[in-house]
Amino acid sequence: MVLVAVSKDKRRQTYMNVEQSAKEVEQVSQIYAEKFGIERDATWFVLKLQEEVGELTQSYLMLSGRARAKGKTSEEIQAELRKEVADVFCQTLLLAKFYHLMFRLKGSTRTSNVMFCLPEKGG
């Protein structure tokens, strides 16, 4: 599966192999779990995703002015929001991998070359 980030002006495209990224995220997660003695079971995958969604929500609320900025600039909050979106994405990949979920287009039998469009940083 390929993830495509397209800028608003449609000039820049960034391609990412989601299956390869999932493998890389899995490796990092395994190292983290070993280092801190974490058992990555079904409960951990779901609760960790919930934690990351909470952090994303906090960043969004700060950016939208619905929560205190805690002395951070708008640029710092935007950077934090991008980081939290990435964390949620990575944790979602881990959860999907744990449950052996495959991503495919509706009605398609292919699991490769599926494309999603997301805005690029600053796009």
PDB file of N, CA and C in Angstrom:
ATOM      1  N   MET A   1       0.846  -1.168   0.000  1.00  0.00           N
ATOM      2  CA  MET A   1       0.000   0.000   0.000  1.00  0.00           C
ATOM      3  C   MET A   1       0.890   1.229   0.000  1.00  0.00           C
ATOM      4  N   VAL A   2       0.488   2.232  -0.723  1.00  0.00           N
ATOM      5  CA  VAL A   2       1.251   3.463  -0.846  1.00  0.00           C
ATOM      6  C   VAL A   2       0.414   4.609  -0.299  1.00  0.00           C
ATOM      7  N   LEU A   3       1.026   5.446   0.497  1.00  0.00           N
ATOM      8  CA  LEU A   3       0.377   6.648   1.009  1.00  0.00           C
ATOM      9  C   LEU A   3       0.931   7.822   0.227  1.00  0.00           C
ATOM     10  N   VAL A   4       0.057   8.691  -0.230  1.00  0.00           N
ATOM     11  CA  VAL A   4       0.479   9.839  -1.012  1.00  0.00           C
ATOM     12  C   VAL A   4       0.067  11.109  -0.288  1.00  0.00           C
ATOM     13  N   ALA A   5       1.018  11.990  -0.057  1.00  0.00           N
ATOM     14  CA  ALA A   5       0.733  13.312   0.506  1.00  0.00           C
ATOM     15  C   ALA A   5       0.829  14.314  -0.629  1.00  0.00           C
ATOM     16  N   VAL A   6      -0.222  15.085  -0.830  1.00  0.00           N
ATOM     17  CA  VAL A   6      -0.266  16.040  -1.929  1.00  0.00           C
ATOM     18  C   VAL A   6      -0.460  17.436  -1.361  1.00  0.00           C
ATOM     19  N   SER A   7       0.367  18.382  -1.809  1.00  0.00           N
ATOM     20  CA  SER A   7       0.223  19.760  -1.351  1.00  0.00           C
ATOM     21  C   SER A   7      -1.015  20.384  -1.974  1.00  0.00           C
ATOM     22  N   LYS A   8      -1.491  21.469  -1.376  1.00  0.00           N
ATOM     23  CA  LYS A   8      -2.696  22.140  -1.878  1.00  0.00           C
ATOM     24  C   LYS A   8      -2.534  22.578  -3.329  1.00  0.00           C
ATOM     25  N   ASP A   9      -1.334  22.982  -3.710  1.00  0.00           N
ATOM     26  CA  ASP A   9      -1.124  23.443  -5.077  1.00  0.00           C
ATOM     27  C   ASP A   9      -0.866  22.275  -6.041  1.00  0.00           C
ATOM     28  N   LYS A  10      -0.909  21.058  -5.552  1.00  0.00           N
ATOM     29  CA  LYS A  10      -0.772  19.834  -6.348  1.00  0.00           C
ATOM     30  C   LYS A  10       0.599  19.667  -7.003  1.00  0.00           C
ATOM     31  N   ARG A  11       1.579  20.475  -6.590  1.00  0.00           N
ATOM     32  CA  ARG A  11       2.906  20.384  -7.209  1.00  0.00           C
ATOM     33  C   ARG A  11       3.795  19.350  -6.539  1.00  0.00           C
ATOM     34  N   ARG A  12       3.662  19.181  -5.229  1.00  0.00           N
ATOM     35  CA  ARG A  12       4.542  18.265  -4.508  1.00  0.00           C
ATOM     36  C   ARG A  12       3.780  17.020  -4.099  1.00  0.00           C
ATOM     37  N   GLN A  13       4.383  15.862  -4.315  1.00  0.00           N
ATOM     38  CA  GLN A  13       3.798  14.617  -3.855  1.00  0.00           C
ATOM     39  C   GLN A  13       4.875  13.826  -3.131  1.00  0.00           C
ATOM     40  N   THR A  14       4.506  13.257  -2.025  1.00  0.00           N
ATOM     41  CA  THR A  14       5.408  12.421  -1.260  1.00  0.00           C
ATOM     42  C   THR A  14       4.793  11.032  -1.182  1.00  0.00           C
ATOM     43  N   TYR A  15       5.547  10.019  -1.548  1.00  0.00           N
ATOM     44  CA  TYR A  15       5.047   8.659  -1.544  1.00  0.00           C
ATOM     45  C   TYR A  15       5.654   7.889  -0.381  1.00  0.00           C
ATOM     46  N   MET A  16       4.831   7.062   0.245  1.00  0.00           N
ATOM     47  CA  MET A  16       5.308   6.253   1.351  1.00  0.00           C
ATOM     48  C   MET A  16       4.683   4.867   1.221  1.00  0.00           C
ATOM     49  N   ASN A  17       5.488   3.850   1.289  1.00  0.00           N
ATOM     50  CA  ASN A  17       5.006   2.483   1.286  1.00  0.00           C
ATOM     51  C   ASN A  17       4.524   2.168   2.699  1.00  0.00           C
ATOM     52  N   VAL A  18       3.224   2.044   2.873  1.00  0.00           N
ATOM     53  CA  VAL A  18       2.649   1.864   4.205  1.00  0.00           C
ATOM     54  C   VAL A  18       3.052   0.520   4.797  1.00  0.00           C
ATOM     55  N   GLU A  19       3.094  -0.526   3.988  1.00  0.00           N
ATOM     56  CA  GLU A  19       3.485  -1.830   4.501  1.00  0.00           C
ATOM     57  C   GLU A  19       4.924  -1.800   5.026  1.00  0.00           C
ATOM     58  N   GLN A  20       5.824  -1.162   4.291  1.00  0.00           N
ATOM     59  CA  GLN A  20       7.212  -1.039   4.744  1.00  0.00           C
ATOM     60  C   GLN A  20       7.280  -0.179   5.999  1.00  0.00           C
ATOM     61  N   SER A  21       6.523   0.897   6.016  1.00  0.00           N
ATOM     62  CA  SER A  21       6.498   1.772   7.193  1.00  0.00           C
ATOM     63  C   SER A  21       5.987   1.022   8.411  1.00  0.00           C
ATOM     64  N   ALA A  22       4.977   0.186   8.224  1.00  0.00           N
ATOM     65  CA  ALA A  22       4.440  -0.594   9.344  1.00  0.00           C
ATOM     66  C   ALA A  22       5.512  -1.519   9.920  1.00  0.00           C
ATOM     67  N   LYS A  23       6.310  -2.107   9.046  1.00  0.00           N
ATOM     68  CA  LYS A  23       7.406  -2.974   9.512  1.00  0.00           C
ATOM     69  C   LYS A  23       8.424  -2.172  10.321  1.00  0.00           C
ATOM     70  N   GLU A  24       8.753  -0.977   9.831  1.00  0.00           N
ATOM     71  CA  GLU A  24       9.729  -0.140  10.531  1.00  0.00           C
ATOM     72  C   GLU A  24       9.180   0.342  11.874  1.00  0.00           C
ATOM     73  N   VAL A  25       7.907   0.726  11.902  1.00  0.00           N
ATOM     74  CA  VAL A  25       7.275   1.167  13.154  1.00  0.00           C
ATOM     75  C   VAL A  25       7.241   0.001  14.139  1.00  0.00           C
ATOM     76  N   GLU A  26       6.959  -1.183  13.638  1.00  0.00           N
ATOM     77  CA  GLU A  26       6.941  -2.384  14.484  1.00  0.00           C
ATOM     78  C   GLU A  26       8.305  -2.623  15.122  1.00  0.00           C
ATOM     79  N   GLN A  27       9.366  -2.473  14.354  1.00  0.00           N
ATOM     80  CA  GLN A  27      10.708  -2.669  14.893  1.00  0.00           C
ATOM     81  C   GLN A  27      11.007  -1.677  16.021  1.00  0.00           C
ATOM     82  N   VAL A  28      10.665  -0.421  15.802  1.00  0.00           N
ATOM     83  CA  VAL A  28      10.892   0.601  16.828  1.00  0.00           C
ATOM     84  C   VAL A  28      10.063   0.298  18.066  1.00  0.00           C
ATOM     85  N   SER A  29       8.818  -0.110  17.864  1.00  0.00           N
ATOM     86  CA  SER A  29       7.931  -0.420  18.982  1.00  0.00           C
ATOM     87  C   SER A  29       8.458  -1.600  19.795  1.00  0.00           C
ATOM     88  N   GLN A  30       8.987  -2.596  19.113  1.00  0.00           N
ATOM     89  CA  GLN A  30       9.556  -3.753  19.816  1.00  0.00           C
ATOM     90  C   GLN A  30      10.754  -3.346  20.667  1.00  0.00           C
ATOM     91  N   ILE A  31      11.608  -2.505  20.130  1.00  0.00           N
ATOM     92  CA  ILE A  31      12.776  -2.022  20.881  1.00  0.00           C
ATOM     93  C   ILE A  31      12.316  -1.250  22.114  1.00  0.00           C
ATOM     94  N   TYR A  32      11.337  -0.360  21.933  1.00  0.00           N
ATOM     95  CA  TYR A  32      10.772   0.437  23.034  1.00  0.00           C
ATOM     96  C   TYR A  32      10.198  -0.483  24.114  1.00  0.00           C
ATOM     97  N   ALA A  33       9.445  -1.503  23.692  1.00  0.00           N
ATOM     98  CA  ALA A  33       8.827  -2.427  24.643  1.00  0.00           C
ATOM     99  C   ALA A  33       9.883  -3.205  25.424  1.00  0.00           C
ATOM    100  N   GLU A  34      10.917  -3.653  24.746  1.00  0.00           N
ATOM    101  CA  GLU A  34      11.985  -4.388  25.416  1.00  0.00           C
ATOM    102  C   GLU A  34      12.728  -3.495  26.408  1.00  0.00           C
ATOM    103  N   LYS A  35      13.005  -2.278  26.005  1.00  0.00           N
ATOM    104  CA  LYS A  35      13.742  -1.340  26.855  1.00  0.00           C
ATOM    105  C   LYS A  35      12.988  -1.028  28.146  1.00  0.00           C
ATOM    106  N   PHE A  36      11.655  -0.889  28.047  1.00  0.00           N
ATOM    107  CA  PHE A  36      10.864  -0.489  29.208  1.00  0.00           C
ATOM    108  C   PHE A  36      10.036  -1.625  29.798  1.00  0.00           C
ATOM    109  N   GLY A  37      10.275  -2.852  29.346  1.00  0.00           N
ATOM    110  CA  GLY A  37       9.582  -4.007  29.909  1.00  0.00           C
ATOM    111  C   GLY A  37       8.080  -3.985  29.693  1.00  0.00           C
ATOM    112  N   ILE A  38       7.645  -3.603  28.506  1.00  0.00           N
ATOM    113  CA  ILE A  38       6.216  -3.494  28.197  1.00  0.00           C
ATOM    114  C   ILE A  38       5.757  -4.744  27.463  1.00  0.00           C
ATOM    115  N   GLU A  39       4.630  -5.283  27.919  1.00  0.00           N
ATOM    116  CA  GLU A  39       4.003  -6.391  27.214  1.00  0.00           C
ATOM    117  C   GLU A  39       3.008  -5.810  26.215  1.00  0.00           C
ATOM    118  N   ARG A  40       3.304  -5.977  24.951  1.00  0.00           N
ATOM    119  CA  ARG A  40       2.449  -5.413  23.900  1.00  0.00           C
ATOM    120  C   ARG A  40       1.345  -6.405  23.561  1.00  0.00           C
ATOM    121  N   ASP A  41       0.298  -6.401  24.370  1.00  0.00           N
ATOM    122  CA  ASP A  41      -0.841  -7.268  24.115  1.00  0.00           C
ATOM    123  C   ASP A  41      -1.977  -6.446  23.518  1.00  0.00           C
ATOM    124  N   ALA A  42      -3.115  -7.078  23.276  1.00  0.00           N
ATOM    125  CA  ALA A  42      -4.250  -6.392  22.645  1.00  0.00           C
ATOM    126  C   ALA A  42      -4.650  -5.143  23.426  1.00  0.00           C
ATOM    127  N   THR A  43      -4.674  -5.244  24.739  1.00  0.00           N
ATOM    128  CA  THR A  43      -5.057  -4.095  25.563  1.00  0.00           C
ATOM    129  C   THR A  43      -4.067  -2.959  25.397  1.00  0.00           C
ATOM    130  N   TRP A  44      -2.771  -3.275  25.390  1.00  0.00           N
ATOM    131  CA  TRP A  44      -1.761  -2.228  25.253  1.00  0.00           C
ATOM    132  C   TRP A  44      -1.933  -1.489  23.924  1.00  0.00           C
ATOM    133  N   PHE A  45      -2.142  -2.220  22.827  1.00  0.00           N
ATOM    134  CA  PHE A  45      -2.263  -1.575  21.522  1.00  0.00           C
ATOM    135  C   PHE A  45      -3.436  -0.594  21.493  1.00  0.00           C
ATOM    136  N   VAL A  46      -4.568  -0.986  22.053  1.00  0.00           N
ATOM    137  CA  VAL A  46      -5.746  -0.114  22.043  1.00  0.00           C
ATOM    138  C   VAL A  46      -5.559   1.071  22.984  1.00  0.00           C
ATOM    139  N   LEU A  47      -5.054   0.811  24.195  1.00  0.00           N
ATOM    140  CA  LEU A  47      -4.881   1.909  25.157  1.00  0.00           C
ATOM    141  C   LEU A  47      -3.794   2.882  24.709  1.00  0.00           C
ATOM    142  N   LYS A  48      -2.750   2.385  24.086  1.00  0.00           N
ATOM    143  CA  LYS A  48      -1.705   3.271  23.575  1.00  0.00           C
ATOM    144  C   LYS A  48      -2.256   4.161  22.462  1.00  0.00           C
ATOM    145  N   LEU A  49      -3.109   3.593  21.608  1.00  0.00           N
ATOM    146  CA  LEU A  49      -3.749   4.403  20.572  1.00  0.00           C
ATOM    147  C   LEU A  49      -4.624   5.475  21.221  1.00  0.00           C
ATOM    148  N   GLN A  50      -5.368   5.101  22.248  1.00  0.00           N
ATOM    149  CA  GLN A  50      -6.216   6.071  22.944  1.00  0.00           C
ATOM    150  C   GLN A  50      -5.375   7.190  23.564  1.00  0.00           C
ATOM    151  N   GLU A  51      -4.238   6.840  24.129  1.00  0.00           N
ATOM    152  CA  GLU A  51      -3.333   7.849  24.690  1.00  0.00           C
ATOM    153  C   GLU A  51      -2.881   8.830  23.615  1.00  0.00           C
ATOM    154  N   GLU A  52      -2.489   8.284  22.459  1.00  0.00           N
ATOM    155  CA  GLU A  52      -2.015   9.137  21.373  1.00  0.00           C
ATOM    156  C   GLU A  52      -3.136  10.021  20.826  1.00  0.00           C
ATOM    157  N   VAL A  53      -4.344   9.494  20.739  1.00  0.00           N
ATOM    158  CA  VAL A  53      -5.484  10.306  20.289  1.00  0.00           C
ATOM    159  C   VAL A  53      -5.749  11.429  21.292  1.00  0.00           C
ATOM    160  N   GLY A  54      -5.601  11.137  22.575  1.00  0.00           N
ATOM    161  CA  GLY A  54      -5.760  12.172  23.596  1.00  0.00           C
ATOM    162  C   GLY A  54      -4.738  13.285  23.435  1.00  0.00           C
ATOM    163  N   GLU A  55      -3.497  12.917  23.151  1.00  0.00           N
ATOM    164  CA  GLU A  55      -2.450  13.924  22.948  1.00  0.00           C
ATOM    165  C   GLU A  55      -2.715  14.733  21.673  1.00  0.00           C
ATOM    166  N   LEU A  56      -3.217  14.082  20.637  1.00  0.00           N
ATOM    167  CA  LEU A  56      -3.595  14.784  19.408  1.00  0.00           C
ATOM    168  C   LEU A  56      -4.729  15.770  19.697  1.00  0.00           C
ATOM    169  N   THR A  57      -5.699  15.328  20.462  1.00  0.00           N
ATOM    170  CA  THR A  57      -6.828  16.194  20.819  1.00  0.00           C
ATOM    171  C   THR A  57      -6.347  17.408  21.592  1.00  0.00           C
ATOM    172  N   GLN A  58      -5.452  17.202  22.539  1.00  0.00           N
ATOM    173  CA  GLN A  58      -4.907  18.315  23.319  1.00  0.00           C
ATOM    174  C   GLN A  58      -4.202  19.329  22.422  1.00  0.00           C
ATOM    175  N   SER A  59      -3.405  18.838  21.489  1.00  0.00           N
ATOM    176  CA  SER A  59      -2.708  19.735  20.565  1.00  0.00           C
ATOM    177  C   SER A  59      -3.705  20.503  19.702  1.00  0.00           C
ATOM    178  N   TYR A  60      -4.727  19.814  19.234  1.00  0.00           N
ATOM    179  CA  TYR A  60      -5.751  20.474  18.423  1.00  0.00           C
ATOM    180  C   TYR A  60      -6.457  21.560  19.227  1.00  0.00           C
ATOM    181  N   LEU A  61      -6.831  21.243  20.453  1.00  0.00           N
ATOM    182  CA  LEU A  61      -7.519  22.223  21.289  1.00  0.00           C
ATOM    183  C   LEU A  61      -6.633  23.439  21.558  1.00  0.00           C
ATOM    184  N   MET A  62      -5.354  23.215  21.759  1.00  0.00           N
ATOM    185  CA  MET A  62      -4.425  24.333  21.957  1.00  0.00           C
ATOM    186  C   MET A  62      -4.355  25.185  20.684  1.00  0.00           C
ATOM    187  N   LEU A  63      -4.251  24.532  19.533  1.00  0.00           N
ATOM    188  CA  LEU A  63      -4.135  25.251  18.271  1.00  0.00           C
ATOM    189  C   LEU A  63      -5.404  26.048  17.960  1.00  0.00           C
ATOM    190  N   SER A  64      -6.553  25.492  18.315  1.00  0.00           N
ATOM    191  CA  SER A  64      -7.824  26.153  18.016  1.00  0.00           C
ATOM    192  C   SER A  64      -8.234  27.170  19.078  1.00  0.00           C
ATOM    193  N   GLY A  65      -7.399  27.317  20.116  1.00  0.00           N
ATOM    194  CA  GLY A  65      -7.693  28.297  21.147  1.00  0.00           C
ATOM    195  C   GLY A  65      -8.682  27.818  22.195  1.00  0.00           C
ATOM    196  N   ARG A  66      -8.974  26.553  22.220  1.00  0.00           N
ATOM    197  CA  ARG A  66      -9.922  25.999  23.195  1.00  0.00           C
ATOM    198  C   ARG A  66      -9.235  25.437  24.436  1.00  0.00           C
ATOM    199  N   ALA A  67      -7.909  25.486  24.429  1.00  0.00           N
ATOM    200  CA  ALA A  67      -7.121  25.055  25.589  1.00  0.00           C
ATOM    201  C   ALA A  67      -5.938  26.002  25.735  1.00  0.00           C
ATOM    202  N   ARG A  68      -5.384  26.064  26.933  1.00  0.00           N
ATOM    203  CA  ARG A  68      -4.231  26.938  27.173  1.00  0.00           C
ATOM    204  C   ARG A  68      -3.069  26.532  26.291  1.00  0.00           C
ATOM    205  N   ALA A  69      -2.357  27.522  25.804  1.00  0.00           N
ATOM    206  CA  ALA A  69      -1.200  27.276  24.936  1.00  0.00           C
ATOM    207  C   ALA A  69       0.040  26.886  25.743  1.00  0.00           C
ATOM    208  N   LYS A  70      -0.012  27.042  27.048  1.00  0.00           N
ATOM    209  CA  LYS A  70       1.101  26.663  27.938  1.00  0.00           C
ATOM    210  C   LYS A  70       2.414  27.323  27.531  1.00  0.00           C
ATOM    211  N   GLY A  71       2.312  28.573  27.047  1.00  0.00           N
ATOM    212  CA  GLY A  71       3.499  29.335  26.681  1.00  0.00           C
ATOM    213  C   GLY A  71       4.098  28.969  25.338  1.00  0.00           C
ATOM    214  N   LYS A  72       3.438  28.094  24.591  1.00  0.00           N
ATOM    215  CA  LYS A  72       3.956  27.671  23.285  1.00  0.00           C
ATOM    216  C   LYS A  72       3.467  28.620  22.198  1.00  0.00           C
ATOM    217  N   THR A  73       4.314  28.808  21.205  1.00  0.00           N
ATOM    218  CA  THR A  73       3.929  29.629  20.055  1.00  0.00           C
ATOM    219  C   THR A  73       3.012  28.817  19.153  1.00  0.00           C
ATOM    220  N   SER A  74       2.350  29.507  18.228  1.00  0.00           N
ATOM    221  CA  SER A  74       1.491  28.835  17.261  1.00  0.00           C
ATOM    222  C   SER A  74       2.293  27.836  16.437  1.00  0.00           C
ATOM    223  N   GLU A  75       3.510  28.215  16.068  1.00  0.00           N
ATOM    224  CA  GLU A  75       4.366  27.320  15.281  1.00  0.00           C
ATOM    225  C   GLU A  75       4.724  26.066  16.075  1.00  0.00           C
ATOM    226  N   GLU A  76       5.016  26.236  17.362  1.00  0.00           N
ATOM    227  CA  GLU A  76       5.338  25.083  18.208  1.00  0.00           C
ATOM    228  C   GLU A  76       4.133  24.156  18.354  1.00  0.00           C
ATOM    229  N   ILE A  77       2.959  24.746  18.486  1.00  0.00           N
ATOM    230  CA  ILE A  77       1.747  23.940  18.615  1.00  0.00           C
ATOM    231  C   ILE A  77       1.455  23.208  17.308  1.00  0.00           C
ATOM    232  N   GLN A  78       1.645  23.880  16.175  1.00  0.00           N
ATOM    233  CA  GLN A  78       1.445  23.221  14.879  1.00  0.00           C
ATOM    234  C   GLN A  78       2.416  22.061  14.703  1.00  0.00           C
ATOM    235  N   ALA A  79       3.661  22.251  15.117  1.00  0.00           N
ATOM    236  CA  ALA A  79       4.653  21.176  15.040  1.00  0.00           C
ATOM    237  C   ALA A  79       4.248  20.009  15.944  1.00  0.00           C
ATOM    238  N   GLU A  80       3.734  20.334  17.113  1.00  0.00           N
ATOM    239  CA  GLU A  80       3.274  19.307  18.046  1.00  0.00           C
ATOM    240  C   GLU A  80       2.082  18.555  17.463  1.00  0.00           C
ATOM    241  N   LEU A  81       1.172  19.280  16.819  1.00  0.00           N
ATOM    242  CA  LEU A  81       0.016  18.643  16.192  1.00  0.00           C
ATOM    243  C   LEU A  81       0.467  17.666  15.108  1.00  0.00           C
ATOM    244  N   ARG A  82       1.421  18.082  14.272  1.00  0.00           N
ATOM    245  CA  ARG A  82       1.945  17.182  13.227  1.00  0.00           C
ATOM    246  C   ARG A  82       2.560  15.933  13.854  1.00  0.00           C
ATOM    247  N   LYS A  83       3.306  16.108  14.939  1.00  0.00           N
ATOM    248  CA  LYS A  83       3.921  14.971  15.627  1.00  0.00           C
ATOM    249  C   LYS A  83       2.852  14.018  16.167  1.00  0.00           C
ATOM    250  N   GLU A  84       1.807  14.580  16.746  1.00  0.00           N
ATOM    251  CA  GLU A  84       0.754  13.743  17.323  1.00  0.00           C
ATOM    252  C   GLU A  84      -0.037  13.008  16.242  1.00  0.00           C
ATOM    253  N   VAL A  85      -0.258  13.659  15.093  1.00  0.00           N
ATOM    254  CA  VAL A  85      -0.909  12.964  13.975  1.00  0.00           C
ATOM    255  C   VAL A  85      -0.051  11.774  13.549  1.00  0.00           C
ATOM    256  N   ALA A  86       1.250  11.981  13.468  1.00  0.00           N
ATOM    257  CA  ALA A  86       2.164  10.889  13.109  1.00  0.00           C
ATOM    258  C   ALA A  86       2.114   9.777  14.153  1.00  0.00           C
ATOM    259  N   ASP A  87       2.072  10.136  15.431  1.00  0.00           N
ATOM    260  CA  ASP A  87       1.998   9.130  16.492  1.00  0.00           C
ATOM    261  C   ASP A  87       0.718   8.302  16.382  1.00  0.00           C
ATOM    262  N   VAL A  88      -0.408   8.972  16.115  1.00  0.00           N
ATOM    263  CA  VAL A  88      -1.682   8.257  15.961  1.00  0.00           C
ATOM    264  C   VAL A  88      -1.606   7.335  14.744  1.00  0.00           C
ATOM    265  N   PHE A  89      -1.053   7.843  13.659  1.00  0.00           N
ATOM    266  CA  PHE A  89      -0.915   7.031  12.449  1.00  0.00           C
ATOM    267  C   PHE A  89      -0.064   5.791  12.725  1.00  0.00           C
ATOM    268  N   CYS A  90       1.071   5.986  13.374  1.00  0.00           N
ATOM    269  CA  CYS A  90       1.965   4.863  13.670  1.00  0.00           C
ATOM    270  C   CYS A  90       1.307   3.854  14.611  1.00  0.00           C
ATOM    271  N   GLN A  91       0.626   4.346  15.625  1.00  0.00           N
ATOM    272  CA  GLN A  91      -0.030   3.435  16.562  1.00  0.00           C
ATOM    273  C   GLN A  91      -1.177   2.696  15.882  1.00  0.00           C
ATOM    274  N   THR A  92      -1.849   3.355  14.941  1.00  0.00           N
ATOM    275  CA  THR A  92      -2.896   2.688  14.169  1.00  0.00           C
ATOM    276  C   THR A  92      -2.301   1.580  13.308  1.00  0.00           C
ATOM    277  N   LEU A  93      -1.141   1.842  12.710  1.00  0.00           N
ATOM    278  CA  LEU A  93      -0.454   0.800  11.943  1.00  0.00           C
ATOM    279  C   LEU A  93      -0.112  -0.389  12.836  1.00  0.00           C
ATOM    280  N   LEU A  94       0.383  -0.109  14.036  1.00  0.00           N
ATOM    281  CA  LEU A  94       0.733  -1.191  14.961  1.00  0.00           C
ATOM    282  C   LEU A  94      -0.494  -2.022  15.344  1.00  0.00           C
ATOM    283  N   LEU A  95      -1.594  -1.351  15.622  1.00  0.00           N
ATOM    284  CA  LEU A  95      -2.825  -2.054  15.987  1.00  0.00           C
ATOM    285  C   LEU A  95      -3.317  -2.896  14.812  1.00  0.00           C
ATOM    286  N   ALA A  96      -3.300  -2.329  13.619  1.00  0.00           N
ATOM    287  CA  ALA A  96      -3.727  -3.072  12.430  1.00  0.00           C
ATOM    288  C   ALA A  96      -2.822  -4.279  12.189  1.00  0.00           C
ATOM    289  N   LYS A  97      -1.528  -4.088  12.365  1.00  0.00           N
ATOM    290  CA  LYS A  97      -0.576  -5.190  12.191  1.00  0.00           C
ATOM    291  C   LYS A  97      -0.814  -6.279  13.231  1.00  0.00           C
ATOM    292  N   PHE A  98      -1.071  -5.884  14.472  1.00  0.00           N
ATOM    293  CA  PHE A  98      -1.323  -6.847  15.553  1.00  0.00           C
ATOM    294  C   PHE A  98      -2.524  -7.733  15.218  1.00  0.00           C
ATOM    295  N   TYR A  99      -3.566  -7.136  14.640  1.00  0.00           N
ATOM    296  CA  TYR A  99      -4.779  -7.875  14.299  1.00  0.00           C
ATOM    297  C   TYR A  99      -4.780  -8.403  12.863  1.00  0.00           C
ATOM    298  N   HIS A 100      -3.647  -8.279  12.175  1.00  0.00           N
ATOM    299  CA  HIS A 100      -3.506  -8.791  10.803  1.00  0.00           C
ATOM    300  C   HIS A 100      -4.569  -8.207   9.873  1.00  0.00           C
ATOM    301  N   LEU A 101      -4.815  -6.924  10.019  1.00  0.00           N
ATOM    302  CA  LEU A 101      -5.795  -6.249   9.167  1.00  0.00           C
ATOM    303  C   LEU A 101      -5.108  -5.786   7.891  1.00  0.00           C
ATOM    304  N   MET A 102      -5.778  -5.938   6.787  1.00  0.00           N
ATOM    305  CA  MET A 102      -5.253  -5.491   5.514  1.00  0.00           C
ATOM    306  C   MET A 102      -6.081  -4.304   5.054  1.00  0.00           C
ATOM    307  N   PHE A 103      -5.447  -3.352   4.447  1.00  0.00           N
ATOM    308  CA  PHE A 103      -6.127  -2.187   3.923  1.00  0.00           C
ATOM    309  C   PHE A 103      -6.323  -2.387   2.424  1.00  0.00           C
ATOM    310  N   ARG A 104      -7.534  -2.168   1.942  1.00  0.00           N
ATOM    311  CA  ARG A 104      -7.768  -2.254   0.506  1.00  0.00           C
ATOM    312  C   ARG A 104      -8.945  -1.368   0.137  1.00  0.00           C
ATOM    313  N   LEU A 105      -8.985  -1.010  -1.125  1.00  0.00           N
ATOM    314  CA  LEU A 105     -10.103  -0.220  -1.620  1.00  0.00           C
ATOM    315  C   LEU A 105     -11.356  -1.084  -1.631  1.00  0.00           C
ATOM    316  N   LYS A 106     -12.501  -0.475  -1.367  1.00  0.00           N
ATOM    317  CA  LYS A 106     -13.765  -1.201  -1.376  1.00  0.00           C
ATOM    318  C   LYS A 106     -13.940  -1.894  -2.727  1.00  0.00           C
ATOM    319  N   GLY A 107     -14.224  -3.169  -2.671  1.00  0.00           N
ATOM    320  CA  GLY A 107     -14.435  -3.930  -3.891  1.00  0.00           C
ATOM    321  C   GLY A 107     -13.165  -4.427  -4.547  1.00  0.00           C
ATOM    322  N   SER A 108     -12.007  -4.055  -4.003  1.00  0.00           N
ATOM    323  CA  SER A 108     -10.739  -4.461  -4.598  1.00  0.00           C
ATOM    324  C   SER A 108     -10.196  -5.685  -3.885  1.00  0.00           C
ATOM    325  N   THR A 109      -9.544  -6.549  -4.618  1.00  0.00           N
ATOM    326  CA  THR A 109      -8.890  -7.705  -4.010  1.00  0.00           C
ATOM    327  C   THR A 109      -7.402  -7.461  -3.842  1.00  0.00           C
ATOM    328  N   ARG A 110      -6.926  -6.325  -4.336  1.00  0.00           N
ATOM    329  CA  ARG A 110      -5.500  -6.001  -4.237  1.00  0.00           C
ATOM    330  C   ARG A 110      -5.223  -5.279  -2.929  1.00  0.00           C
ATOM    331  N   THR A 111      -4.089  -5.590  -2.309  1.00  0.00           N
ATOM    332  CA  THR A 111      -3.695  -4.909  -1.078  1.00  0.00           C
ATOM    333  C   THR A 111      -2.506  -3.998  -1.305  1.00  0.00           C
ATOM    334  N   SER A 112      -2.025  -3.925  -2.537  1.00  0.00           N
ATOM    335  CA  SER A 112      -0.909  -3.027  -2.819  1.00  0.00           C
ATOM    336  C   SER A 112      -1.393  -1.864  -3.672  1.00  0.00           C
ATOM    337  N   ASN A 113      -0.614  -0.832  -3.693  1.00  0.00           N
ATOM    338  CA  ASN A 113      -0.894   0.347  -4.496  1.00  0.00           C
ATOM    339  C   ASN A 113      -2.182   1.066  -4.130  1.00  0.00           C
ATOM    340  N   VAL A 114      -2.636   0.910  -2.898  1.00  0.00           N
ATOM    341  CA  VAL A 114      -3.778   1.683  -2.421  1.00  0.00           C
ATOM    342  C   VAL A 114      -3.269   3.061  -2.059  1.00  0.00           C
ATOM    343  N   MET A 115      -3.945   4.091  -2.500  1.00  0.00           N
ATOM    344  CA  MET A 115      -3.446   5.445  -2.300  1.00  0.00           C
ATOM    345  C   MET A 115      -4.417   6.275  -1.475  1.00  0.00           C
ATOM    346  N   PHE A 116      -3.883   7.023  -0.541  1.00  0.00           N
ATOM    347  CA  PHE A 116      -4.633   7.967   0.260  1.00  0.00           C
ATOM    348  C   PHE A 116      -4.027   9.341  -0.004  1.00  0.00           C
ATOM    349  N   CYS A 117      -4.803  10.387   0.040  1.00  0.00           N
ATOM    350  CA  CYS A 117      -4.298  11.735  -0.144  1.00  0.00           C
ATOM    351  C   CYS A 117      -4.410  12.509   1.160  1.00  0.00           C
ATOM    352  N   LEU A 118      -3.303  12.998   1.632  1.00  0.00           N
ATOM    353  CA  LEU A 118      -3.247  13.795   2.847  1.00  0.00           C
ATOM    354  C   LEU A 118      -2.448  15.064   2.567  1.00  0.00           C
ATOM    355  N   PRO A 119      -2.764  16.158   3.255  1.00  0.00           N
ATOM    356  CA  PRO A 119      -1.980  17.386   3.041  1.00  0.00           C
ATOM    357  C   PRO A 119      -0.569  17.234   3.601  1.00  0.00           C
ATOM    358  N   GLU A 120       0.384  17.763   2.880  1.00  0.00           N
ATOM    359  CA  GLU A 120       1.761  17.784   3.313  1.00  0.00           C
ATOM    360  C   GLU A 120       1.980  18.919   4.301  1.00  0.00           C
ATOM    361  N   LYS A 121       3.029  18.857   5.092  1.00  0.00           N
ATOM    362  CA  LYS A 121       3.375  19.938   6.014  1.00  0.00           C
ATOM    363  C   LYS A 121       3.410  21.268   5.250  1.00  0.00           C
ATOM    364  N   GLY A 122       2.670  22.236   5.768  1.00  0.00           N
ATOM    365  CA  GLY A 122       2.628  23.549   5.148  1.00  0.00           C
ATOM    366  C   GLY A 122       1.797  23.589   3.866  1.00  0.00           C
ATOM    367  N   GLY A 123       1.164  22.451   3.528  1.00  0.00           N
ATOM    368  CA  GLY A 123       0.445  22.350   2.255  1.00  0.00           C
ATOM    369  C   GLY A 123      -0.969  22.752   2.305  1.00  0.00           C
TER     370      GLY A 123
END
